[in-house]
Amino acid sequence: MLGENNASKLTSVRVGVIGVGGVGSWSANALVRSGVNKITLVDPDIIVESNINRQCHADYGNLGKPKVVAMEEMLKQINPGVEVTGYDEEFCETNAKKILDSSNVDYWIDACDSVKAKVSLASNLGKASGNRRTFLVCGAAGGKINPHKFICTDLGNAKNDALLSKVRYALRRTS
C-alpha cells in the first residue's frame, strides 16, 4: 500500500507521541502497524475504566497500569522488534529538554490534552528554539460528531477548538 521505498523509510524513523490517550494510543498503534520500528511514548496517567471505550490499550486487565507501559506491551504484541522508549511522566517545561534531547525523535505527535504540555513542545521545537523538528498538534477530539469538520491546517488557522485556542493564546504571549 505504501510502496517499497516509503515502507523502508518508515522503518528507519523514530516517532514520538506525547499523550497516549484517545488520540495518541490509536496513533501509536497505527504507526507500528504501518512499519515504524522506533517510538517514544510520553504520558503520566494510568488506565482507568472510563478509558476502555476509546483507547486501544485500555482493557480490564490493564486497569491501574501506566498508559505508557500498557501501550508498550500492546505495541510489542503487534511487532516484537519495536523499540519503545517510555516516559511515565507529564511533558512540561521542566523535562522537555531531557525528553526531546535523549529520544532522537524525527517527528512528534502532540496528542495530549494539556495546554502547558502543548506550549512546552511548541516552544522547544519551534523556530526560535534552535531544535526545530516536525511536529503535529492535535486538538480536542472528544465529543466531535462530524468527521468532516476535522481539518489539517496551521495552528494559527485552527477554528472551533477551545484547547487549541488556549495554546495559540499562550504561544503569542511567550513570543
N, C-alpha and C. Protein backbone atom coordinates (compact mmCIF):
# COMPACT_ATOMS: atom_id res chain seq x y z
N MET A 1 0.82 -1.19 0.00
CA MET A 1 0.00 0.00 0.00
C MET A 1 0.87 1.26 0.00
N LEU A 2 1.95 1.28 0.76
CA LEU A 2 2.82 2.45 0.84
C LEU A 2 3.87 2.47 -0.25
N GLY A 3 4.14 1.32 -0.82
CA GLY A 3 5.24 1.20 -1.76
C GLY A 3 6.50 0.82 -1.00
N GLU A 4 7.38 0.10 -1.67
CA GLU A 4 8.58 -0.43 -1.02
C GLU A 4 9.48 0.68 -0.47
N ASN A 5 9.66 1.75 -1.24
CA ASN A 5 10.55 2.84 -0.82
C ASN A 5 10.01 3.54 0.43
N ASN A 6 8.73 3.87 0.43
CA ASN A 6 8.14 4.55 1.59
C ASN A 6 8.08 3.64 2.81
N ALA A 7 7.81 2.37 2.60
CA ALA A 7 7.76 1.42 3.72
C ALA A 7 9.13 1.32 4.38
N SER A 8 10.19 1.31 3.58
CA SER A 8 11.53 1.22 4.17
C SER A 8 11.88 2.51 4.92
N LYS A 9 11.38 3.64 4.48
CA LYS A 9 11.61 4.90 5.20
C LYS A 9 10.97 4.84 6.59
N LEU A 10 9.79 4.26 6.68
CA LEU A 10 9.10 4.18 7.97
C LEU A 10 9.88 3.37 8.99
N THR A 11 10.58 2.36 8.54
CA THR A 11 11.31 1.51 9.49
C THR A 11 12.49 2.24 10.12
N SER A 12 12.95 3.31 9.48
CA SER A 12 14.14 3.98 10.00
C SER A 12 13.85 5.26 10.79
N VAL A 13 12.62 5.73 10.81
CA VAL A 13 12.33 6.95 11.57
C VAL A 13 11.89 6.62 12.99
N ARG A 14 12.12 7.57 13.88
CA ARG A 14 11.61 7.45 15.25
C ARG A 14 10.54 8.52 15.41
N VAL A 15 9.37 8.08 15.88
CA VAL A 15 8.25 8.98 16.10
C VAL A 15 7.97 9.04 17.59
N GLY A 16 7.69 10.22 18.08
CA GLY A 16 7.33 10.41 19.48
C GLY A 16 5.87 10.78 19.60
N VAL A 17 5.21 10.25 20.61
CA VAL A 17 3.80 10.55 20.86
C VAL A 17 3.68 11.06 22.29
N ILE A 18 3.25 12.30 22.42
CA ILE A 18 3.03 12.88 23.74
C ILE A 18 1.54 12.83 24.01
N GLY A 19 1.17 12.04 25.00
CA GLY A 19 -0.24 11.81 25.31
C GLY A 19 -0.68 10.50 24.68
N VAL A 20 -0.82 9.46 25.48
CA VAL A 20 -1.15 8.14 24.97
C VAL A 20 -2.58 7.79 25.38
N GLY A 21 -3.50 8.70 25.06
CA GLY A 21 -4.90 8.50 25.38
C GLY A 21 -5.70 8.18 24.14
N GLY A 22 -6.84 8.85 23.98
CA GLY A 22 -7.75 8.57 22.88
C GLY A 22 -7.16 8.77 21.50
N VAL A 23 -6.40 9.82 21.30
CA VAL A 23 -5.77 10.09 20.01
C VAL A 23 -4.39 9.41 19.94
N GLY A 24 -3.61 9.57 20.99
CA GLY A 24 -2.24 9.07 20.98
C GLY A 24 -2.11 7.56 20.93
N SER A 25 -3.01 6.84 21.63
CA SER A 25 -2.90 5.37 21.61
C SER A 25 -3.18 4.82 20.22
N TRP A 26 -4.19 5.37 19.56
CA TRP A 26 -4.51 4.91 18.21
C TRP A 26 -3.43 5.33 17.21
N SER A 27 -2.84 6.50 17.43
CA SER A 27 -1.74 6.95 16.56
C SER A 27 -0.54 6.02 16.67
N ALA A 28 -0.14 5.71 17.90
CA ALA A 28 0.99 4.80 18.11
C ALA A 28 0.71 3.43 17.51
N ASN A 29 -0.49 2.94 17.71
CA ASN A 29 -0.91 1.65 17.16
C ASN A 29 -0.76 1.65 15.64
N ALA A 30 -1.31 2.67 14.98
CA ALA A 30 -1.27 2.75 13.52
C ALA A 30 0.16 2.90 13.01
N LEU A 31 0.97 3.67 13.72
CA LEU A 31 2.36 3.86 13.29
C LEU A 31 3.12 2.54 13.29
N VAL A 32 3.00 1.77 14.36
CA VAL A 32 3.71 0.49 14.44
C VAL A 32 3.15 -0.49 13.43
N ARG A 33 1.85 -0.52 13.24
CA ARG A 33 1.26 -1.40 12.22
C ARG A 33 1.70 -1.01 10.81
N SER A 34 2.06 0.26 10.63
CA SER A 34 2.50 0.74 9.32
C SER A 34 3.99 0.54 9.08
N GLY A 35 4.72 0.10 10.10
CA GLY A 35 6.13 -0.21 9.91
C GLY A 35 7.11 0.61 10.73
N VAL A 36 6.63 1.58 11.51
CA VAL A 36 7.54 2.33 12.37
C VAL A 36 8.10 1.38 13.42
N ASN A 37 9.42 1.32 13.53
CA ASN A 37 10.07 0.39 14.45
C ASN A 37 10.64 1.04 15.70
N LYS A 38 10.60 2.39 15.74
CA LYS A 38 11.15 3.11 16.90
C LYS A 38 10.14 4.17 17.31
N ILE A 39 9.69 4.09 18.55
CA ILE A 39 8.66 5.02 19.01
C ILE A 39 8.93 5.43 20.46
N THR A 40 8.67 6.68 20.74
CA THR A 40 8.80 7.22 22.09
C THR A 40 7.42 7.62 22.57
N LEU A 41 7.07 7.22 23.78
CA LEU A 41 5.76 7.50 24.36
C LEU A 41 5.93 8.31 25.64
N VAL A 42 5.09 9.35 25.80
CA VAL A 42 5.14 10.19 27.00
C VAL A 42 3.72 10.37 27.52
N ASP A 43 3.48 9.94 28.75
CA ASP A 43 2.17 10.13 29.38
C ASP A 43 2.28 9.81 30.87
N PRO A 44 1.73 10.66 31.74
CA PRO A 44 1.84 10.42 33.17
C PRO A 44 0.70 9.59 33.76
N ASP A 45 -0.31 9.31 32.97
CA ASP A 45 -1.55 8.74 33.50
C ASP A 45 -1.55 7.22 33.56
N ILE A 46 -2.50 6.71 34.33
CA ILE A 46 -2.76 5.27 34.39
C ILE A 46 -4.08 5.00 33.69
N ILE A 47 -4.29 3.75 33.34
CA ILE A 47 -5.54 3.36 32.68
C ILE A 47 -6.64 3.23 33.73
N VAL A 48 -7.76 3.89 33.43
CA VAL A 48 -8.94 3.81 34.28
C VAL A 48 -10.10 3.29 33.44
N GLU A 49 -11.15 2.86 34.11
CA GLU A 49 -12.27 2.22 33.43
C GLU A 49 -12.88 3.09 32.33
N SER A 50 -12.93 4.41 32.54
CA SER A 50 -13.54 5.29 31.53
C SER A 50 -12.71 5.38 30.25
N ASN A 51 -11.49 4.86 30.24
CA ASN A 51 -10.66 4.84 29.03
C ASN A 51 -11.03 3.69 28.08
N ILE A 52 -11.69 2.67 28.60
CA ILE A 52 -11.88 1.43 27.85
C ILE A 52 -12.65 1.64 26.54
N ASN A 53 -13.59 2.57 26.51
CA ASN A 53 -14.39 2.73 25.30
C ASN A 53 -13.70 3.51 24.19
N ARG A 54 -12.52 4.09 24.44
CA ARG A 54 -11.93 4.94 23.41
C ARG A 54 -10.41 4.84 23.25
N GLN A 55 -9.75 4.06 24.07
CA GLN A 55 -8.29 3.95 23.98
C GLN A 55 -7.92 2.50 23.70
N CYS A 56 -7.12 2.28 22.67
CA CYS A 56 -6.90 0.91 22.19
C CYS A 56 -6.13 0.03 23.17
N HIS A 57 -5.39 0.59 24.09
CA HIS A 57 -4.62 -0.21 25.06
C HIS A 57 -5.37 -0.40 26.37
N ALA A 58 -6.54 0.17 26.47
CA ALA A 58 -7.30 0.12 27.72
C ALA A 58 -8.24 -1.08 27.74
N ASP A 59 -8.08 -1.92 28.75
CA ASP A 59 -8.99 -3.03 28.99
C ASP A 59 -8.96 -3.34 30.49
N TYR A 60 -9.82 -4.23 30.93
CA TYR A 60 -9.92 -4.50 32.37
C TYR A 60 -8.62 -5.07 32.94
N GLY A 61 -7.88 -5.79 32.15
CA GLY A 61 -6.61 -6.34 32.62
C GLY A 61 -5.53 -5.29 32.84
N ASN A 62 -5.72 -4.12 32.23
CA ASN A 62 -4.73 -3.05 32.35
C ASN A 62 -5.13 -1.94 33.32
N LEU A 63 -6.26 -2.09 33.99
CA LEU A 63 -6.69 -1.04 34.92
C LEU A 63 -5.60 -0.78 35.97
N GLY A 64 -5.29 0.49 36.19
CA GLY A 64 -4.27 0.88 37.16
C GLY A 64 -2.85 0.86 36.63
N LYS A 65 -2.65 0.35 35.43
CA LYS A 65 -1.31 0.27 34.83
C LYS A 65 -1.00 1.60 34.14
N PRO A 66 0.25 2.05 34.21
CA PRO A 66 0.61 3.26 33.47
C PRO A 66 0.31 3.09 31.98
N LYS A 67 -0.25 4.13 31.37
CA LYS A 67 -0.60 4.05 29.95
C LYS A 67 0.61 3.74 29.08
N VAL A 68 1.75 4.31 29.43
CA VAL A 68 2.97 4.07 28.65
C VAL A 68 3.35 2.59 28.68
N VAL A 69 3.22 1.95 29.83
CA VAL A 69 3.56 0.53 29.97
C VAL A 69 2.57 -0.33 29.18
N ALA A 70 1.27 -0.05 29.33
CA ALA A 70 0.25 -0.82 28.62
C ALA A 70 0.41 -0.67 27.11
N MET A 71 0.74 0.54 26.66
CA MET A 71 0.91 0.77 25.23
C MET A 71 2.14 0.05 24.71
N GLU A 72 3.22 0.07 25.47
CA GLU A 72 4.43 -0.66 25.05
C GLU A 72 4.14 -2.15 24.91
N GLU A 73 3.43 -2.72 25.87
CA GLU A 73 3.09 -4.15 25.80
C GLU A 73 2.26 -4.45 24.56
N MET A 74 1.30 -3.58 24.26
CA MET A 74 0.45 -3.79 23.09
C MET A 74 1.28 -3.69 21.80
N LEU A 75 2.13 -2.68 21.72
CA LEU A 75 2.94 -2.49 20.52
C LEU A 75 3.88 -3.67 20.29
N LYS A 76 4.40 -4.26 21.36
CA LYS A 76 5.29 -5.42 21.23
C LYS A 76 4.50 -6.67 20.81
N GLN A 77 3.21 -6.71 21.06
CA GLN A 77 2.38 -7.80 20.54
C GLN A 77 2.19 -7.64 19.03
N ILE A 78 2.13 -6.39 18.57
CA ILE A 78 1.99 -6.12 17.14
C ILE A 78 3.31 -6.39 16.42
N ASN A 79 4.41 -5.89 16.99
CA ASN A 79 5.74 -6.07 16.40
C ASN A 79 6.74 -6.29 17.54
N PRO A 80 7.12 -7.54 17.78
CA PRO A 80 8.04 -7.84 18.89
C PRO A 80 9.38 -7.11 18.80
N GLY A 81 9.75 -6.65 17.61
CA GLY A 81 11.03 -5.97 17.44
C GLY A 81 10.97 -4.46 17.62
N VAL A 82 9.80 -3.91 17.89
CA VAL A 82 9.68 -2.46 18.02
C VAL A 82 10.49 -1.97 19.23
N GLU A 83 11.19 -0.87 19.04
CA GLU A 83 11.95 -0.23 20.13
C GLU A 83 11.07 0.85 20.73
N VAL A 84 10.71 0.70 21.99
CA VAL A 84 9.84 1.67 22.67
C VAL A 84 10.62 2.34 23.79
N THR A 85 10.63 3.65 23.77
CA THR A 85 11.17 4.43 24.88
C THR A 85 9.98 5.08 25.56
N GLY A 86 9.81 4.83 26.84
CA GLY A 86 8.65 5.35 27.55
C GLY A 86 9.02 6.31 28.66
N TYR A 87 8.25 7.36 28.76
CA TYR A 87 8.39 8.32 29.86
C TYR A 87 7.04 8.38 30.56
N ASP A 88 6.99 7.79 31.74
CA ASP A 88 5.77 7.77 32.54
C ASP A 88 5.74 9.04 33.39
N GLU A 89 5.67 10.17 32.70
CA GLU A 89 5.68 11.47 33.36
C GLU A 89 5.02 12.50 32.46
N GLU A 90 4.61 13.59 33.06
CA GLU A 90 3.98 14.66 32.29
C GLU A 90 5.05 15.41 31.51
N PHE A 91 4.76 15.71 30.26
CA PHE A 91 5.67 16.53 29.46
C PHE A 91 5.46 17.98 29.88
N CYS A 92 6.52 18.64 30.28
CA CYS A 92 6.41 20.03 30.74
C CYS A 92 7.73 20.74 30.49
N GLU A 93 7.75 22.02 30.78
CA GLU A 93 8.96 22.81 30.55
C GLU A 93 10.15 22.26 31.34
N THR A 94 9.90 21.70 32.51
CA THR A 94 10.97 21.18 33.36
C THR A 94 11.70 20.00 32.73
N ASN A 95 10.97 19.11 32.06
CA ASN A 95 11.62 17.91 31.49
C ASN A 95 11.66 17.91 29.97
N ALA A 96 11.18 18.97 29.33
CA ALA A 96 11.11 19.00 27.87
C ALA A 96 12.47 18.77 27.22
N LYS A 97 13.47 19.48 27.67
CA LYS A 97 14.80 19.34 27.07
C LYS A 97 15.33 17.92 27.23
N LYS A 98 15.16 17.35 28.42
CA LYS A 98 15.64 15.98 28.68
C LYS A 98 14.97 14.99 27.72
N ILE A 99 13.65 15.07 27.61
CA ILE A 99 12.91 14.12 26.76
C ILE A 99 13.25 14.35 25.29
N LEU A 100 13.24 15.59 24.85
CA LEU A 100 13.48 15.88 23.44
C LEU A 100 14.91 15.55 23.02
N ASP A 101 15.87 15.82 23.89
CA ASP A 101 17.28 15.57 23.54
C ASP A 101 17.67 14.10 23.63
N SER A 102 17.08 13.37 24.56
CA SER A 102 17.51 11.99 24.77
C SER A 102 16.81 10.98 23.87
N SER A 103 15.76 11.37 23.20
CA SER A 103 14.98 10.38 22.46
C SER A 103 15.26 10.33 20.96
N ASN A 104 16.01 11.29 20.42
CA ASN A 104 16.36 11.28 18.99
C ASN A 104 15.16 11.08 18.08
N VAL A 105 14.07 11.75 18.37
CA VAL A 105 12.84 11.61 17.59
C VAL A 105 12.90 12.49 16.35
N ASP A 106 12.46 11.93 15.22
CA ASP A 106 12.40 12.67 13.97
C ASP A 106 11.11 13.47 13.84
N TYR A 107 10.01 12.89 14.29
CA TYR A 107 8.69 13.52 14.19
C TYR A 107 7.94 13.33 15.50
N TRP A 108 7.27 14.37 15.96
CA TRP A 108 6.49 14.30 17.20
C TRP A 108 5.01 14.45 16.89
N ILE A 109 4.20 13.71 17.63
CA ILE A 109 2.74 13.89 17.60
C ILE A 109 2.34 14.37 18.98
N ASP A 110 1.75 15.56 19.02
CA ASP A 110 1.24 16.12 20.27
C ASP A 110 -0.22 15.70 20.37
N ALA A 111 -0.47 14.68 21.15
CA ALA A 111 -1.83 14.16 21.33
C ALA A 111 -2.29 14.33 22.77
N CYS A 112 -1.69 15.28 23.48
CA CYS A 112 -2.05 15.45 24.89
C CYS A 112 -3.16 16.49 25.04
N ASP A 113 -3.73 16.54 26.22
CA ASP A 113 -4.84 17.47 26.47
C ASP A 113 -4.45 18.59 27.43
N SER A 114 -3.16 18.82 27.57
CA SER A 114 -2.65 19.85 28.48
C SER A 114 -2.11 21.04 27.69
N VAL A 115 -2.65 22.22 27.98
CA VAL A 115 -2.17 23.43 27.31
C VAL A 115 -0.69 23.63 27.62
N LYS A 116 -0.30 23.44 28.87
CA LYS A 116 1.11 23.64 29.25
C LYS A 116 2.04 22.70 28.47
N ALA A 117 1.64 21.45 28.32
CA ALA A 117 2.47 20.49 27.58
C ALA A 117 2.57 20.88 26.11
N LYS A 118 1.45 21.27 25.52
CA LYS A 118 1.44 21.67 24.12
C LYS A 118 2.34 22.89 23.90
N VAL A 119 2.25 23.87 24.79
CA VAL A 119 3.07 25.07 24.68
C VAL A 119 4.55 24.73 24.87
N SER A 120 4.85 23.86 25.82
CA SER A 120 6.25 23.44 26.04
C SER A 120 6.82 22.77 24.80
N LEU A 121 6.04 21.89 24.18
CA LEU A 121 6.52 21.21 22.98
C LEU A 121 6.76 22.21 21.86
N ALA A 122 5.78 23.07 21.61
CA ALA A 122 5.91 24.05 20.53
C ALA A 122 7.08 25.00 20.79
N SER A 123 7.24 25.41 22.02
CA SER A 123 8.33 26.34 22.37
C SER A 123 9.70 25.68 22.19
N ASN A 124 9.79 24.41 22.50
CA ASN A 124 11.07 23.71 22.43
C ASN A 124 11.39 23.15 21.06
N LEU A 125 10.40 23.08 20.18
CA LEU A 125 10.66 22.57 18.82
C LEU A 125 10.43 23.63 17.75
N GLY A 126 9.95 24.78 18.14
CA GLY A 126 9.61 25.83 17.19
C GLY A 126 10.82 26.52 16.59
N LYS A 127 10.54 27.49 15.75
CA LYS A 127 11.57 28.22 15.01
C LYS A 127 12.64 28.82 15.91
N ALA A 128 12.22 29.38 17.02
CA ALA A 128 13.16 30.11 17.89
C ALA A 128 13.99 29.19 18.78
N SER A 129 13.68 27.90 18.83
CA SER A 129 14.33 27.02 19.79
C SER A 129 15.73 26.56 19.38
N GLY A 130 16.04 26.61 18.10
CA GLY A 130 17.30 26.05 17.62
C GLY A 130 17.27 24.53 17.56
N ASN A 131 16.13 23.93 17.88
CA ASN A 131 15.95 22.48 17.94
C ASN A 131 14.78 22.09 17.04
N ARG A 132 14.63 22.79 15.94
CA ARG A 132 13.44 22.64 15.13
C ARG A 132 13.30 21.24 14.55
N ARG A 133 12.15 20.64 14.83
CA ARG A 133 11.78 19.35 14.26
C ARG A 133 10.30 19.38 13.93
N THR A 134 9.89 18.48 13.07
CA THR A 134 8.50 18.44 12.66
C THR A 134 7.63 17.87 13.77
N PHE A 135 6.50 18.54 14.02
CA PHE A 135 5.55 18.00 14.99
C PHE A 135 4.13 18.32 14.55
N LEU A 136 3.24 17.44 14.92
CA LEU A 136 1.82 17.53 14.60
C LEU A 136 1.07 17.80 15.89
N VAL A 137 0.27 18.85 15.90
CA VAL A 137 -0.51 19.20 17.09
C VAL A 137 -1.95 18.75 16.86
N CYS A 138 -2.49 17.97 17.78
CA CYS A 138 -3.87 17.52 17.69
C CYS A 138 -4.72 18.31 18.67
N GLY A 139 -5.88 18.74 18.21
CA GLY A 139 -6.79 19.49 19.07
C GLY A 139 -7.67 18.56 19.87
N ALA A 140 -8.72 19.11 20.41
CA ALA A 140 -9.65 18.34 21.23
C ALA A 140 -10.61 17.58 20.32
N ALA A 141 -10.56 16.26 20.37
CA ALA A 141 -11.41 15.44 19.52
C ALA A 141 -12.66 14.97 20.24
N GLY A 142 -12.63 14.97 21.56
CA GLY A 142 -13.75 14.46 22.35
C GLY A 142 -15.06 15.17 22.06
N GLY A 143 -16.11 14.41 21.87
CA GLY A 143 -17.44 14.97 21.66
C GLY A 143 -17.72 15.41 20.24
N LYS A 144 -16.76 15.30 19.35
CA LYS A 144 -16.97 15.69 17.96
C LYS A 144 -17.78 14.60 17.26
N ILE A 145 -18.80 15.01 16.53
CA ILE A 145 -19.66 14.01 15.90
C ILE A 145 -19.64 14.07 14.38
N ASN A 146 -18.99 15.08 13.80
CA ASN A 146 -18.95 15.18 12.35
C ASN A 146 -17.49 15.10 11.89
N PRO A 147 -17.07 13.94 11.39
CA PRO A 147 -15.67 13.79 10.99
C PRO A 147 -15.27 14.72 9.85
N HIS A 148 -16.22 15.26 9.11
CA HIS A 148 -15.91 16.17 8.01
C HIS A 148 -15.46 17.54 8.52
N LYS A 149 -15.64 17.80 9.79
CA LYS A 149 -15.21 19.08 10.38
C LYS A 149 -13.74 19.06 10.77
N PHE A 150 -13.11 17.88 10.77
CA PHE A 150 -11.69 17.79 11.10
C PHE A 150 -10.89 18.30 9.91
N ILE A 151 -9.94 19.18 10.19
CA ILE A 151 -9.10 19.71 9.12
C ILE A 151 -7.65 19.69 9.56
N CYS A 152 -6.77 19.65 8.58
CA CYS A 152 -5.34 19.80 8.84
C CYS A 152 -4.96 21.20 8.38
N THR A 153 -4.45 21.98 9.31
CA THR A 153 -4.09 23.36 9.00
C THR A 153 -3.02 23.83 9.96
N ASP A 154 -2.49 24.98 9.71
CA ASP A 154 -1.56 25.61 10.63
C ASP A 154 -2.30 25.95 11.92
N LEU A 155 -1.61 25.87 13.04
CA LEU A 155 -2.22 26.17 14.33
C LEU A 155 -2.89 27.54 14.32
N GLY A 156 -2.31 28.49 13.62
CA GLY A 156 -2.88 29.84 13.55
C GLY A 156 -4.22 29.89 12.84
N ASN A 157 -4.55 28.87 12.05
CA ASN A 157 -5.81 28.84 11.31
C ASN A 157 -6.86 27.93 11.94
N ALA A 158 -6.52 27.27 13.04
CA ALA A 158 -7.47 26.34 13.67
C ALA A 158 -8.67 27.11 14.22
N LYS A 159 -9.86 26.54 14.02
CA LYS A 159 -11.10 27.18 14.46
C LYS A 159 -11.94 26.20 15.26
N ASN A 160 -12.80 26.75 16.12
CA ASN A 160 -13.79 25.96 16.86
C ASN A 160 -13.15 24.89 17.75
N ASP A 161 -12.00 25.19 18.31
CA ASP A 161 -11.34 24.25 19.21
C ASP A 161 -10.80 25.04 20.40
N ALA A 162 -11.47 24.92 21.53
CA ALA A 162 -11.10 25.70 22.71
C ALA A 162 -9.69 25.39 23.19
N LEU A 163 -9.28 24.12 23.11
CA LEU A 163 -7.94 23.74 23.55
C LEU A 163 -6.88 24.43 22.70
N LEU A 164 -7.02 24.35 21.38
CA LEU A 164 -6.03 24.97 20.50
C LEU A 164 -6.06 26.49 20.59
N SER A 165 -7.22 27.05 20.87
CA SER A 165 -7.32 28.49 21.07
C SER A 165 -6.48 28.93 22.27
N LYS A 166 -6.53 28.16 23.34
CA LYS A 166 -5.73 28.47 24.54
C LYS A 166 -4.24 28.31 24.24
N VAL A 167 -3.89 27.31 23.46
CA VAL A 167 -2.48 27.10 23.09
C VAL A 167 -1.99 28.28 22.26
N ARG A 168 -2.77 28.68 21.27
CA ARG A 168 -2.40 29.82 20.43
C ARG A 168 -2.18 31.07 21.27
N TYR A 169 -3.11 31.33 22.18
CA TYR A 169 -3.03 32.50 23.05
C TYR A 169 -1.75 32.46 23.90
N ALA A 170 -1.47 31.31 24.48
CA ALA A 170 -0.27 31.17 25.32
C ALA A 170 1.01 31.35 24.51
N LEU A 171 1.04 30.80 23.30
CA LEU A 171 2.23 30.94 22.46
C LEU A 171 2.44 32.39 22.03
N ARG A 172 1.37 33.09 21.74
CA ARG A 172 1.50 34.50 21.36
C ARG A 172 2.05 35.33 22.52
N ARG A 173 1.67 34.99 23.72
CA ARG A 173 2.13 35.73 24.90
C ARG A 173 3.61 35.48 25.19
N THR A 174 4.10 34.30 24.80
CA THR A 174 5.50 33.97 25.09
C THR A 174 6.46 34.42 23.99
N SER A 175 5.93 34.75 22.83
CA SER A 175 6.84 35.13 21.73
C SER A 175 7.05 36.62 21.64
